[in-house]
């Protein structure tokens, strides 16, 4: 039986919040334990309920960014995922540096949202693929080496890439790493974006180049 991921959703737009909670509730493996509309709500929920994932917006009363350190001070193990419209590198960097484990853009589909949340729940970080390249450029690394790019992969992404480089299909990678095939596909999307390559072959070559560097 799949372990339920206990979720809290904090957003000051009721219709959006209700849409997110309804969508996640309809997907196996998610349980909504609380809702809120402000940073004060987020802090209270983290302190009293300790959900597996606290999903919250940046732009809400009290500021989602300001809430991150306050939450982690009272609940250091709390996994926080930002769900926002902001695509600025400053907001992404600020959220991650303050301790957020994930950064997702509003407009994402329900299944993609669920996959991203599962990634964070498993202990990894997640940044919307379209933002990864922006982050690299904003940090003055517009043309980083292959070694630097590969080094920027999460441990799980590295495991997936190493097996893909061995010629394994997504299905076989999923079996070996005890993951769902769609999770492996998600990781591959992240890997291709982070490495700045178009396909699996180029990703495998990037890994080879990094090893030879």
C-alpha atoms as a PDB file:
ATOM      1  CA  UNK A   1       0.000   0.000   0.000  1.00  0.00           C
ATOM      2  CA  UNK A   2       1.324   3.441  -0.975  1.00  0.00           C
ATOM      3  CA  UNK A   3       2.192   5.632   1.986  1.00  0.00           C
ATOM      4  CA  UNK A   4      -0.032   8.703   2.167  1.00  0.00           C
ATOM      5  CA  UNK A   5       1.643  12.078   1.853  1.00  0.00           C
ATOM      6  CA  UNK A   6       0.077  14.463   4.375  1.00  0.00           C
ATOM      7  CA  UNK A   7      -0.346  17.852   2.709  1.00  0.00           C
ATOM      8  CA  UNK A   8      -1.110  21.378   3.821  1.00  0.00           C
ATOM      9  CA  UNK A   9      -1.955  24.032   1.229  1.00  0.00           C
ATOM     10  CA  UNK A  10      -1.539  27.731   2.068  1.00  0.00           C
ATOM     11  CA  UNK A  11      -2.616  30.338  -0.486  1.00  0.00           C
ATOM     12  CA  UNK A  12      -4.656  33.508  -0.072  1.00  0.00           C
ATOM     13  CA  UNK A  13      -6.740  32.889  -3.214  1.00  0.00           C
ATOM     14  CA  UNK A  14      -9.606  30.619  -2.065  1.00  0.00           C
ATOM     15  CA  UNK A  15     -10.597  29.368  -5.522  1.00  0.00           C
ATOM     16  CA  UNK A  16      -7.021  28.456  -6.422  1.00  0.00           C
ATOM     17  CA  UNK A  17      -6.421  26.825  -3.045  1.00  0.00           C
ATOM     18  CA  UNK A  18      -9.618  24.816  -3.339  1.00  0.00           C
ATOM     19  CA  UNK A  19      -8.645  23.727  -6.838  1.00  0.00           C
ATOM     20  CA  UNK A  20      -5.256  22.486  -5.674  1.00  0.00           C
ATOM     21  CA  UNK A  21      -6.640  20.633  -2.672  1.00  0.00           C
ATOM     22  CA  UNK A  22      -9.388  19.042  -4.766  1.00  0.00           C
ATOM     23  CA  UNK A  23      -6.946  17.966  -7.475  1.00  0.00           C
ATOM     24  CA  UNK A  24      -4.509  16.402  -5.022  1.00  0.00           C
ATOM     25  CA  UNK A  25      -7.300  14.731  -3.059  1.00  0.00           C
ATOM     26  CA  UNK A  26      -8.373  12.955  -6.231  1.00  0.00           C
ATOM     27  CA  UNK A  27      -4.892  11.484  -6.755  1.00  0.00           C
ATOM     28  CA  UNK A  28      -3.946   8.352  -4.847  1.00  0.00           C
ATOM     29  CA  UNK A  29      -1.413   8.890  -2.088  1.00  0.00           C
ATOM     30  CA  UNK A  30      -2.317  12.400  -0.947  1.00  0.00           C
ATOM     31  CA  UNK A  31      -4.183  13.489   2.169  1.00  0.00           C
ATOM     32  CA  UNK A  32      -4.994  17.176   2.763  1.00  0.00           C
ATOM     33  CA  UNK A  33      -4.691  17.809   6.501  1.00  0.00           C
ATOM     34  CA  UNK A  34      -4.935  21.616   6.557  1.00  0.00           C
ATOM     35  CA  UNK A  35      -5.483  24.769   4.541  1.00  0.00           C
ATOM     36  CA  UNK A  36      -4.483  28.364   5.198  1.00  0.00           C
ATOM     37  CA  UNK A  37      -4.234  31.794   3.615  1.00  0.00           C
ATOM     38  CA  UNK A  38      -1.293  33.557   5.276  1.00  0.00           C
ATOM     39  CA  UNK A  39       2.233  33.079   6.582  1.00  0.00           C
ATOM     40  CA  UNK A  40       0.803  33.013  10.110  1.00  0.00           C
ATOM     41  CA  UNK A  41      -1.416  30.099   9.068  1.00  0.00           C
ATOM     42  CA  UNK A  42       1.577  28.303   7.547  1.00  0.00           C
ATOM     43  CA  UNK A  43       3.603  28.696  10.745  1.00  0.00           C
ATOM     44  CA  UNK A  44       0.711  27.510  12.902  1.00  0.00           C
ATOM     45  CA  UNK A  45       0.066  24.480  10.684  1.00  0.00           C
ATOM     46  CA  UNK A  46       3.735  23.478  10.683  1.00  0.00           C
ATOM     47  CA  UNK A  47       3.919  23.795  14.454  1.00  0.00           C
ATOM     48  CA  UNK A  48       0.728  21.914  15.287  1.00  0.00           C
ATOM     49  CA  UNK A  49       0.220  19.387  12.486  1.00  0.00           C
ATOM     50  CA  UNK A  50       3.695  18.770  11.003  1.00  0.00           C
ATOM     51  CA  UNK A  51       2.455  17.808   7.505  1.00  0.00           C
ATOM     52  CA  UNK A  52       4.839  15.886   5.253  1.00  0.00           C
ATOM     53  CA  UNK A  53       4.703  18.725   2.736  1.00  0.00           C
ATOM     54  CA  UNK A  54       3.704  22.344   3.281  1.00  0.00           C
ATOM     55  CA  UNK A  55       2.718  23.833  -0.085  1.00  0.00           C
ATOM     56  CA  UNK A  56       2.498  27.610  -0.036  1.00  0.00           C
ATOM     57  CA  UNK A  57       2.572  30.741  -2.162  1.00  0.00           C
ATOM     58  CA  UNK A  58       5.162  33.512  -2.016  1.00  0.00           C
ATOM     59  CA  UNK A  59       2.692  36.380  -2.398  1.00  0.00           C
ATOM     60  CA  UNK A  60       0.322  36.171   0.533  1.00  0.00           C
ATOM     61  CA  UNK A  61      -0.246  38.123   3.777  1.00  0.00           C
ATOM     62  CA  UNK A  62       2.945  37.993   5.811  1.00  0.00           C
ATOM     63  CA  UNK A  63       5.043  36.829   2.830  1.00  0.00           C
ATOM     64  CA  UNK A  64       5.706  33.217   2.021  1.00  0.00           C
ATOM     65  CA  UNK A  65       9.429  33.894   1.779  1.00  0.00           C
ATOM     66  CA  UNK A  66       9.495  35.392   5.271  1.00  0.00           C
ATOM     67  CA  UNK A  67       7.581  32.399   6.603  1.00  0.00           C
ATOM     68  CA  UNK A  68      10.191  29.849   5.508  1.00  0.00           C
ATOM     69  CA  UNK A  69      12.833  30.522   8.198  1.00  0.00           C
ATOM     70  CA  UNK A  70      10.156  30.994  10.858  1.00  0.00           C
ATOM     71  CA  UNK A  71       8.678  27.598  10.006  1.00  0.00           C
ATOM     72  CA  UNK A  72      12.029  25.835   9.929  1.00  0.00           C
ATOM     73  CA  UNK A  73      12.947  27.358  13.284  1.00  0.00           C
ATOM     74  CA  UNK A  74      10.023  25.618  15.001  1.00  0.00           C
ATOM     75  CA  UNK A  75       9.919  22.553  12.724  1.00  0.00           C
ATOM     76  CA  UNK A  76      13.414  21.980  11.261  1.00  0.00           C
ATOM     77  CA  UNK A  77      12.372  18.841   9.390  1.00  0.00           C
ATOM     78  CA  UNK A  78       9.408  20.493   7.664  1.00  0.00           C
ATOM     79  CA  UNK A  79       9.531  20.143   3.877  1.00  0.00           C
ATOM     80  CA  UNK A  80       8.331  23.342   2.221  1.00  0.00           C
ATOM     81  CA  UNK A  81       7.358  23.669  -1.435  1.00  0.00           C
ATOM     82  CA  UNK A  82       6.599  27.043  -2.989  1.00  0.00           C
ATOM     83  CA  UNK A  83       3.764  27.118  -5.548  1.00  0.00           C
ATOM     84  CA  UNK A  84       3.794  30.543  -7.145  1.00  0.00           C
ATOM     85  CA  UNK A  85       3.546  32.607 -10.330  1.00  0.00           C
ATOM     86  CA  UNK A  86       6.921  34.261  -9.732  1.00  0.00           C
ATOM     87  CA  UNK A  87       9.605  33.184 -12.190  1.00  0.00           C
ATOM     88  CA  UNK A  88      12.250  35.664 -11.039  1.00  0.00           C
ATOM     89  CA  UNK A  89      15.644  34.214 -10.209  1.00  0.00           C
ATOM     90  CA  UNK A  90      15.705  36.384  -7.091  1.00  0.00           C
ATOM     91  CA  UNK A  91      12.592  34.736  -5.657  1.00  0.00           C
ATOM     92  CA  UNK A  92      13.729  31.227  -6.582  1.00  0.00           C
ATOM     93  CA  UNK A  93      17.158  31.783  -5.052  1.00  0.00           C
ATOM     94  CA  UNK A  94      15.704  33.414  -1.933  1.00  0.00           C
ATOM     95  CA  UNK A  95      13.265  30.555  -1.398  1.00  0.00           C
ATOM     96  CA  UNK A  96      15.909  27.847  -1.790  1.00  0.00           C
ATOM     97  CA  UNK A  97      18.504  29.662   0.306  1.00  0.00           C
ATOM     98  CA  UNK A  98      15.991  30.115   3.117  1.00  0.00           C
ATOM     99  CA  UNK A  99      15.282  26.408   3.135  1.00  0.00           C
ATOM    100  CA  UNK A 100      12.470  25.612   0.706  1.00  0.00           C
ATOM    101  CA  UNK A 101      12.826  22.127  -0.759  1.00  0.00           C
ATOM    102  CA  UNK A 102      10.833  22.819  -3.897  1.00  0.00           C
ATOM    103  CA  UNK A 103       9.766  25.608  -6.248  1.00  0.00           C
ATOM    104  CA  UNK A 104       6.834  24.987  -8.609  1.00  0.00           C
ATOM    105  CA  UNK A 105       5.108  27.402 -10.963  1.00  0.00           C
ATOM    106  CA  UNK A 106       1.356  27.869 -10.876  1.00  0.00           C
ATOM    107  CA  UNK A 107      -0.231  26.603 -14.058  1.00  0.00           C
ATOM    108  CA  UNK A 108       1.381  23.196 -13.732  1.00  0.00           C
ATOM    109  CA  UNK A 109      -0.947  20.238 -14.281  1.00  0.00           C
ATOM    110  CA  UNK A 110      -2.231  18.200 -11.357  1.00  0.00           C
ATOM    111  CA  UNK A 111      -0.194  15.102 -12.241  1.00  0.00           C
ATOM    112  CA  UNK A 112       3.012  17.079 -12.707  1.00  0.00           C
ATOM    113  CA  UNK A 113       2.364  18.827  -9.389  1.00  0.00           C
ATOM    114  CA  UNK A 114       1.851  15.466  -7.707  1.00  0.00           C
ATOM    115  CA  UNK A 115       5.096  14.107  -9.189  1.00  0.00           C
ATOM    116  CA  UNK A 116       7.039  17.149  -7.993  1.00  0.00           C
ATOM    117  CA  UNK A 117       5.610  16.797  -4.492  1.00  0.00           C
ATOM    118  CA  UNK A 118       6.500  13.098  -4.439  1.00  0.00           C
ATOM    119  CA  UNK A 119      10.065  14.049  -5.397  1.00  0.00           C
ATOM    120  CA  UNK A 120      10.338  16.382  -2.407  1.00  0.00           C
ATOM    121  CA  UNK A 121       8.609  13.898  -0.094  1.00  0.00           C
ATOM    122  CA  UNK A 122      11.253  11.316  -1.051  1.00  0.00           C
ATOM    123  CA  UNK A 123      13.961  13.620   0.277  1.00  0.00           C
ATOM    124  CA  UNK A 124      15.073  15.409  -2.876  1.00  0.00           C
ATOM    125  CA  UNK A 125      14.728  18.994  -4.026  1.00  0.00           C
ATOM    126  CA  UNK A 126      12.685  20.166  -7.006  1.00  0.00           C
ATOM    127  CA  UNK A 127      12.850  23.298  -9.136  1.00  0.00           C
ATOM    128  CA  UNK A 128      10.548  23.784 -12.117  1.00  0.00           C
ATOM    129  CA  UNK A 129      12.595  22.746 -15.189  1.00  0.00           C
ATOM    130  CA  UNK A 130      11.998  26.067 -16.955  1.00  0.00           C
ATOM    131  CA  UNK A 131      13.668  27.861 -14.038  1.00  0.00           C
ATOM    132  CA  UNK A 132      16.802  25.733 -13.736  1.00  0.00           C
ATOM    133  CA  UNK A 133      18.577  27.313 -16.718  1.00  0.00           C
ATOM    134  CA  UNK A 134      17.622  30.792 -15.484  1.00  0.00           C
ATOM    135  CA  UNK A 135      19.199  30.047 -12.128  1.00  0.00           C
ATOM    136  CA  UNK A 136      22.441  28.918 -13.730  1.00  0.00           C
ATOM    137  CA  UNK A 137      22.619  32.056 -15.873  1.00  0.00           C
ATOM    138  CA  UNK A 138      21.709  34.345 -12.970  1.00  0.00           C
ATOM    139  CA  UNK A 139      24.567  32.920 -10.962  1.00  0.00           C
ATOM    140  CA  UNK A 140      27.036  33.864 -13.661  1.00  0.00           C
ATOM    141  CA  UNK A 141      27.441  30.347 -14.996  1.00  0.00           C
ATOM    142  CA  UNK A 142      26.034  30.751 -18.487  1.00  0.00           C
ATOM    143  CA  UNK A 143      28.540  28.290 -19.896  1.00  0.00           C
ATOM    144  CA  UNK A 144      29.475  25.982 -17.015  1.00  0.00           C
ATOM    145  CA  UNK A 145      31.612  22.907 -17.591  1.00  0.00           C
ATOM    146  CA  UNK A 146      30.034  19.493 -17.989  1.00  0.00           C
ATOM    147  CA  UNK A 147      31.595  18.500 -14.671  1.00  0.00           C
ATOM    148  CA  UNK A 148      29.915  21.435 -12.927  1.00  0.00           C
ATOM    149  CA  UNK A 149      26.554  20.637 -14.512  1.00  0.00           C
ATOM    150  CA  UNK A 150      26.714  16.957 -13.598  1.00  0.00           C
ATOM    151  CA  UNK A 151      27.831  17.905 -10.089  1.00  0.00           C
ATOM    152  CA  UNK A 152      24.657  19.990  -9.829  1.00  0.00           C
ATOM    153  CA  UNK A 153      22.419  16.937 -10.183  1.00  0.00           C
ATOM    154  CA  UNK A 154      20.757  15.511  -7.096  1.00  0.00           C
ATOM    155  CA  UNK A 155      21.957  12.082  -5.894  1.00  0.00           C
ATOM    156  CA  UNK A 156      18.829  10.459  -7.345  1.00  0.00           C
ATOM    157  CA  UNK A 157      19.219  12.232 -10.680  1.00  0.00           C
ATOM    158  CA  UNK A 158      22.824  11.020 -10.802  1.00  0.00           C
ATOM    159  CA  UNK A 159      21.666   7.441 -10.154  1.00  0.00           C
ATOM    160  CA  UNK A 160      19.131   7.687 -12.962  1.00  0.00           C
ATOM    161  CA  UNK A 161      21.630   9.220 -15.396  1.00  0.00           C
ATOM    162  CA  UNK A 162      24.272   6.581 -14.656  1.00  0.00           C
ATOM    163  CA  UNK A 163      21.809   3.825 -15.520  1.00  0.00           C
ATOM    164  CA  UNK A 164      20.554   5.612 -18.630  1.00  0.00           C
ATOM    165  CA  UNK A 165      24.186   5.949 -19.729  1.00  0.00           C
ATOM    166  CA  UNK A 166      24.441   2.165 -19.396  1.00  0.00           C
ATOM    167  CA  UNK A 167      21.626   1.850 -21.932  1.00  0.00           C
ATOM    168  CA  UNK A 168      18.776   1.103 -19.546  1.00  0.00           C
ATOM    169  CA  UNK A 169      15.227   2.090 -20.472  1.00  0.00           C
ATOM    170  CA  UNK A 170      13.096   4.138 -18.096  1.00  0.00           C
ATOM    171  CA  UNK A 171      11.227   0.967 -17.195  1.00  0.00           C
ATOM    172  CA  UNK A 172      14.372  -0.898 -16.206  1.00  0.00           C
ATOM    173  CA  UNK A 173      15.755   2.113 -14.315  1.00  0.00           C
ATOM    174  CA  UNK A 174      12.480   2.274 -12.392  1.00  0.00           C
ATOM    175  CA  UNK A 175      12.687  -1.407 -11.493  1.00  0.00           C
ATOM    176  CA  UNK A 176      16.305  -1.208 -10.340  1.00  0.00           C
ATOM    177  CA  UNK A 177      15.801   1.941  -8.253  1.00  0.00           C
ATOM    178  CA  UNK A 178      12.354   0.883  -6.983  1.00  0.00           C
ATOM    179  CA  UNK A 179      10.634   3.916  -8.506  1.00  0.00           C
ATOM    180  CA  UNK A 180       7.569   4.461 -10.641  1.00  0.00           C
ATOM    181  CA  UNK A 181       8.357   4.785 -14.351  1.00  0.00           C
ATOM    182  CA  UNK A 182       6.732   8.226 -14.480  1.00  0.00           C
ATOM    183  CA  UNK A 183       9.051   9.332 -11.663  1.00  0.00           C
ATOM    184  CA  UNK A 184      12.044   8.262 -13.746  1.00  0.00           C
ATOM    185  CA  UNK A 185      10.634  10.246 -16.695  1.00  0.00           C
ATOM    186  CA  UNK A 186      10.317  13.267 -14.421  1.00  0.00           C
ATOM    187  CA  UNK A 187      13.928  12.879 -13.302  1.00  0.00           C
ATOM    188  CA  UNK A 188      15.047  12.643 -16.925  1.00  0.00           C
ATOM    189  CA  UNK A 189      13.242  15.894 -17.729  1.00  0.00           C
ATOM    190  CA  UNK A 190      15.089  17.551 -14.868  1.00  0.00           C
ATOM    191  CA  UNK A 191      18.403  16.036 -15.966  1.00  0.00           C
ATOM    192  CA  UNK A 192      18.056  17.200 -19.591  1.00  0.00           C
ATOM    193  CA  UNK A 193      17.177  20.716 -18.436  1.00  0.00           C
ATOM    194  CA  UNK A 194      20.010  20.961 -15.916  1.00  0.00           C
ATOM    195  CA  UNK A 195      22.585  19.632 -18.385  1.00  0.00           C
ATOM    196  CA  UNK A 196      21.287  21.772 -21.238  1.00  0.00           C
ATOM    197  CA  UNK A 197      20.969  18.795 -23.578  1.00  0.00           C
ATOM    198  CA  UNK A 198      18.204  17.626 -25.900  1.00  0.00           C
ATOM    199  CA  UNK A 199      18.095  13.870 -25.393  1.00  0.00           C
ATOM    200  CA  UNK A 200      19.284  10.836 -23.452  1.00  0.00           C
ATOM    201  CA  UNK A 201      22.302  10.277 -25.683  1.00  0.00           C
ATOM    202  CA  UNK A 202      23.603  13.792 -25.109  1.00  0.00           C
ATOM    203  CA  UNK A 203      22.991  13.387 -21.374  1.00  0.00           C
ATOM    204  CA  UNK A 204      25.023  10.175 -21.356  1.00  0.00           C
ATOM    205  CA  UNK A 205      27.817  11.930 -23.255  1.00  0.00           C
ATOM    206  CA  UNK A 206      27.784  14.768 -20.727  1.00  0.00           C
ATOM    207  CA  UNK A 207      28.242  12.215 -17.941  1.00  0.00           C
ATOM    208  CA  UNK A 208      31.119  10.608 -19.845  1.00  0.00           C
ATOM    209  CA  UNK A 209      32.787  13.986 -20.415  1.00  0.00           C
ATOM    210  CA  UNK A 210      32.418  14.849 -16.730  1.00  0.00           C
ATOM    211  CA  UNK A 211      34.085  11.591 -15.727  1.00  0.00           C
ATOM    212  CA  UNK A 212      36.985  12.207 -18.108  1.00  0.00           C
ATOM    213  CA  UNK A 213      37.488  15.816 -17.030  1.00  0.00           C
END
